[in-house]
Amino acid sequence: MIKKYTEQEEQLARFAKAMGHPARIAILNFLASQNSCFFGDIHEILPIAKATVSQHLSELKAAGLIQGEIFPPKVKYCINQENWKLAKELFNECMNIGTFRESCCG
């Protein structure tokens, strides 16, 4: 018997995995605080090495949480608004599943 996950469960897991590192949360917080796309080097703003920032940006971009374009020598980054909204909806739904009752693990 093959068990399948829903598309929403798989998408939520991708978002959660991409957000599963404090540096990525810091990057997302920084980009979300910008009024427009950020042109620059995030490693100059956050206490993260340039190579590490690049790796984290790749993970966030692969999950669809951010988008970016190369404009040598800089790269433009911003939150992917559509997927950010979806992530908020999926996390909210997940965190509101079920009702809480007294724990048997007391």
C-alpha atoms as a PDB file:
ATOM      1  CA  MET A   1       0.000   0.000   0.000  1.00  0.00           C
ATOM      2  CA  ILE A   2       1.425   3.351  -1.070  1.00  0.00           C
ATOM      3  CA  LYS A   3       0.699   6.276   1.196  1.00  0.00           C
ATOM      4  CA  LYS A   4       0.623   9.681  -0.442  1.00  0.00           C
ATOM      5  CA  TYR A   5       1.023  13.082   1.069  1.00  0.00           C
ATOM      6  CA  THR A   6      -1.169  15.933  -0.072  1.00  0.00           C
ATOM      7  CA  GLU A   7       0.286  18.662  -2.256  1.00  0.00           C
ATOM      8  CA  GLN A   8      -0.197  21.077   0.656  1.00  0.00           C
ATOM      9  CA  GLU A   9       1.711  18.780   3.052  1.00  0.00           C
ATOM     10  CA  GLU A  10       4.605  18.499   0.602  1.00  0.00           C
ATOM     11  CA  GLN A  11       4.674  22.247  -0.010  1.00  0.00           C
ATOM     12  CA  LEU A  12       4.569  23.026   3.702  1.00  0.00           C
ATOM     13  CA  ALA A  13       7.452  20.603   4.282  1.00  0.00           C
ATOM     14  CA  ARG A  14       9.522  22.375   1.567  1.00  0.00           C
ATOM     15  CA  PHE A  15       8.880  25.740   3.186  1.00  0.00           C
ATOM     16  CA  ALA A  16       9.632  24.376   6.666  1.00  0.00           C
ATOM     17  CA  LYS A  17      12.876  22.769   5.524  1.00  0.00           C
ATOM     18  CA  ALA A  18      13.995  25.985   3.835  1.00  0.00           C
ATOM     19  CA  MET A  19      13.206  27.935   7.003  1.00  0.00           C
ATOM     20  CA  GLY A  20      14.887  25.357   9.237  1.00  0.00           C
ATOM     21  CA  HIS A  21      18.060  27.347   9.896  1.00  0.00           C
ATOM     22  CA  PRO A  22      18.405  30.554  11.939  1.00  0.00           C
ATOM     23  CA  ALA A  23      20.495  32.223   9.214  1.00  0.00           C
ATOM     24  CA  ARG A  24      17.676  31.693   6.716  1.00  0.00           C
ATOM     25  CA  ILE A  25      15.162  33.150   9.159  1.00  0.00           C
ATOM     26  CA  ALA A  26      17.465  36.174   9.556  1.00  0.00           C
ATOM     27  CA  ILE A  27      17.706  36.549   5.777  1.00  0.00           C
ATOM     28  CA  LEU A  28      13.926  36.311   5.394  1.00  0.00           C
ATOM     29  CA  ASN A  29      13.375  38.828   8.199  1.00  0.00           C
ATOM     30  CA  PHE A  30      15.840  41.214   6.572  1.00  0.00           C
ATOM     31  CA  LEU A  31      14.308  40.916   3.100  1.00  0.00           C
ATOM     32  CA  ALA A  32      10.756  41.194   4.476  1.00  0.00           C
ATOM     33  CA  SER A  33      11.725  44.446   6.222  1.00  0.00           C
ATOM     34  CA  GLN A  34      12.792  46.086   2.948  1.00  0.00           C
ATOM     35  CA  ASN A  35      10.370  48.416   1.164  1.00  0.00           C
ATOM     36  CA  SER A  36      11.638  47.178  -2.187  1.00  0.00           C
ATOM     37  CA  CYS A  37      13.983  44.575  -3.593  1.00  0.00           C
ATOM     38  CA  PHE A  38      17.430  44.597  -2.027  1.00  0.00           C
ATOM     39  CA  PHE A  39      20.392  45.230  -4.293  1.00  0.00           C
ATOM     40  CA  GLY A  40      23.519  44.378  -2.414  1.00  0.00           C
ATOM     41  CA  ASP A  41      25.491  41.873  -0.439  1.00  0.00           C
ATOM     42  CA  ILE A  42      23.498  40.409   2.431  1.00  0.00           C
ATOM     43  CA  HIS A  43      26.700  39.187   4.070  1.00  0.00           C
ATOM     44  CA  GLU A  44      27.553  42.853   4.699  1.00  0.00           C
ATOM     45  CA  ILE A  45      24.290  43.353   6.599  1.00  0.00           C
ATOM     46  CA  LEU A  46      24.079  40.068   8.522  1.00  0.00           C
ATOM     47  CA  PRO A  47      26.850  38.321  10.524  1.00  0.00           C
ATOM     48  CA  ILE A  48      27.160  35.528   7.958  1.00  0.00           C
ATOM     49  CA  ALA A  49      30.089  34.681   5.661  1.00  0.00           C
ATOM     50  CA  LYS A  50      29.590  35.377   1.954  1.00  0.00           C
ATOM     51  CA  ALA A  51      29.781  31.688   0.946  1.00  0.00           C
ATOM     52  CA  THR A  52      27.307  30.757   3.670  1.00  0.00           C
ATOM     53  CA  VAL A  53      24.881  33.478   2.575  1.00  0.00           C
ATOM     54  CA  SER A  54      25.021  32.179  -0.979  1.00  0.00           C
ATOM     55  CA  GLN A  55      24.167  28.655   0.151  1.00  0.00           C
ATOM     56  CA  HIS A  56      21.253  29.862   2.297  1.00  0.00           C
ATOM     57  CA  LEU A  57      19.924  32.093  -0.484  1.00  0.00           C
ATOM     58  CA  SER A  58      19.987  29.114  -2.846  1.00  0.00           C
ATOM     59  CA  GLU A  59      17.909  27.049  -0.404  1.00  0.00           C
ATOM     60  CA  LEU A  60      15.370  29.835   0.072  1.00  0.00           C
ATOM     61  CA  LYS A  61      15.148  30.431  -3.666  1.00  0.00           C
ATOM     62  CA  ALA A  62      14.745  26.713  -4.421  1.00  0.00           C
ATOM     63  CA  ALA A  63      11.826  26.580  -1.975  1.00  0.00           C
ATOM     64  CA  GLY A  64      10.299  29.597  -3.695  1.00  0.00           C
ATOM     65  CA  LEU A  65      10.345  31.857  -0.652  1.00  0.00           C
ATOM     66  CA  ILE A  66      12.594  34.435  -2.309  1.00  0.00           C
ATOM     67  CA  GLN A  67      13.410  35.461  -5.834  1.00  0.00           C
ATOM     68  CA  GLY A  68      16.445  37.119  -7.274  1.00  0.00           C
ATOM     69  CA  GLU A  69      18.141  38.247 -10.417  1.00  0.00           C
ATOM     70  CA  ILE A  70      21.804  38.792 -11.191  1.00  0.00           C
ATOM     71  CA  PHE A  71      22.850  42.331 -12.056  1.00  0.00           C
ATOM     72  CA  PRO A  72      26.658  42.112 -11.969  1.00  0.00           C
ATOM     73  CA  PRO A  73      28.304  42.670  -9.641  1.00  0.00           C
ATOM     74  CA  LYS A  74      25.216  42.658  -7.397  1.00  0.00           C
ATOM     75  CA  VAL A  75      22.161  40.448  -7.092  1.00  0.00           C
ATOM     76  CA  LYS A  76      18.620  41.665  -6.511  1.00  0.00           C
ATOM     77  CA  TYR A  77      16.696  39.745  -3.833  1.00  0.00           C
ATOM     78  CA  CYS A  78      13.169  40.018  -2.545  1.00  0.00           C
ATOM     79  CA  ILE A  79      10.459  37.950  -0.909  1.00  0.00           C
ATOM     80  CA  ASN A  80       8.346  35.978  -3.387  1.00  0.00           C
ATOM     81  CA  GLN A  81       5.031  37.555  -2.358  1.00  0.00           C
ATOM     82  CA  GLU A  82       2.810  34.800  -3.793  1.00  0.00           C
ATOM     83  CA  ASN A  83       4.680  31.964  -2.085  1.00  0.00           C
ATOM     84  CA  TRP A  84       5.123  33.984   1.124  1.00  0.00           C
ATOM     85  CA  LYS A  85       1.331  34.323   1.324  1.00  0.00           C
ATOM     86  CA  LEU A  86       0.931  30.597   0.623  1.00  0.00           C
ATOM     87  CA  ALA A  87       3.497  29.699   3.293  1.00  0.00           C
ATOM     88  CA  LYS A  88       1.667  31.830   5.875  1.00  0.00           C
ATOM     89  CA  GLU A  89      -1.635  30.165   4.989  1.00  0.00           C
ATOM     90  CA  LEU A  90      -0.192  26.639   5.133  1.00  0.00           C
ATOM     91  CA  PHE A  91       1.618  27.207   8.439  1.00  0.00           C
ATOM     92  CA  ASN A  92      -1.501  28.787   9.911  1.00  0.00           C
ATOM     93  CA  GLU A  93      -3.670  25.843   8.818  1.00  0.00           C
ATOM     94  CA  CYS A  94      -1.157  23.352  10.189  1.00  0.00           C
ATOM     95  CA  MET A  95      -0.885  25.091  13.541  1.00  0.00           C
ATOM     96  CA  ASN A  96      -4.672  25.262  13.899  1.00  0.00           C
ATOM     97  CA  ILE A  97      -5.400  21.595  13.196  1.00  0.00           C
ATOM     98  CA  GLY A  98      -7.459  19.832  15.810  1.00  0.00           C
ATOM     99  CA  THR A  99      -8.592  20.921  19.181  1.00  0.00           C
ATOM    100  CA  PHE A 100      -6.508  20.783  22.295  1.00  0.00           C
ATOM    101  CA  ARG A 101      -7.600  18.540  25.082  1.00  0.00           C
ATOM    102  CA  GLU A 102      -5.943  17.559  28.286  1.00  0.00           C
ATOM    103  CA  SER A 103      -2.688  15.793  27.534  1.00  0.00           C
ATOM    104  CA  CYS A 104      -2.303  12.161  28.406  1.00  0.00           C
ATOM    105  CA  CYS A 105       1.459  12.738  28.614  1.00  0.00           C
ATOM    106  CA  GLY A 106       1.008  14.930  31.686  1.00  0.00           C
END
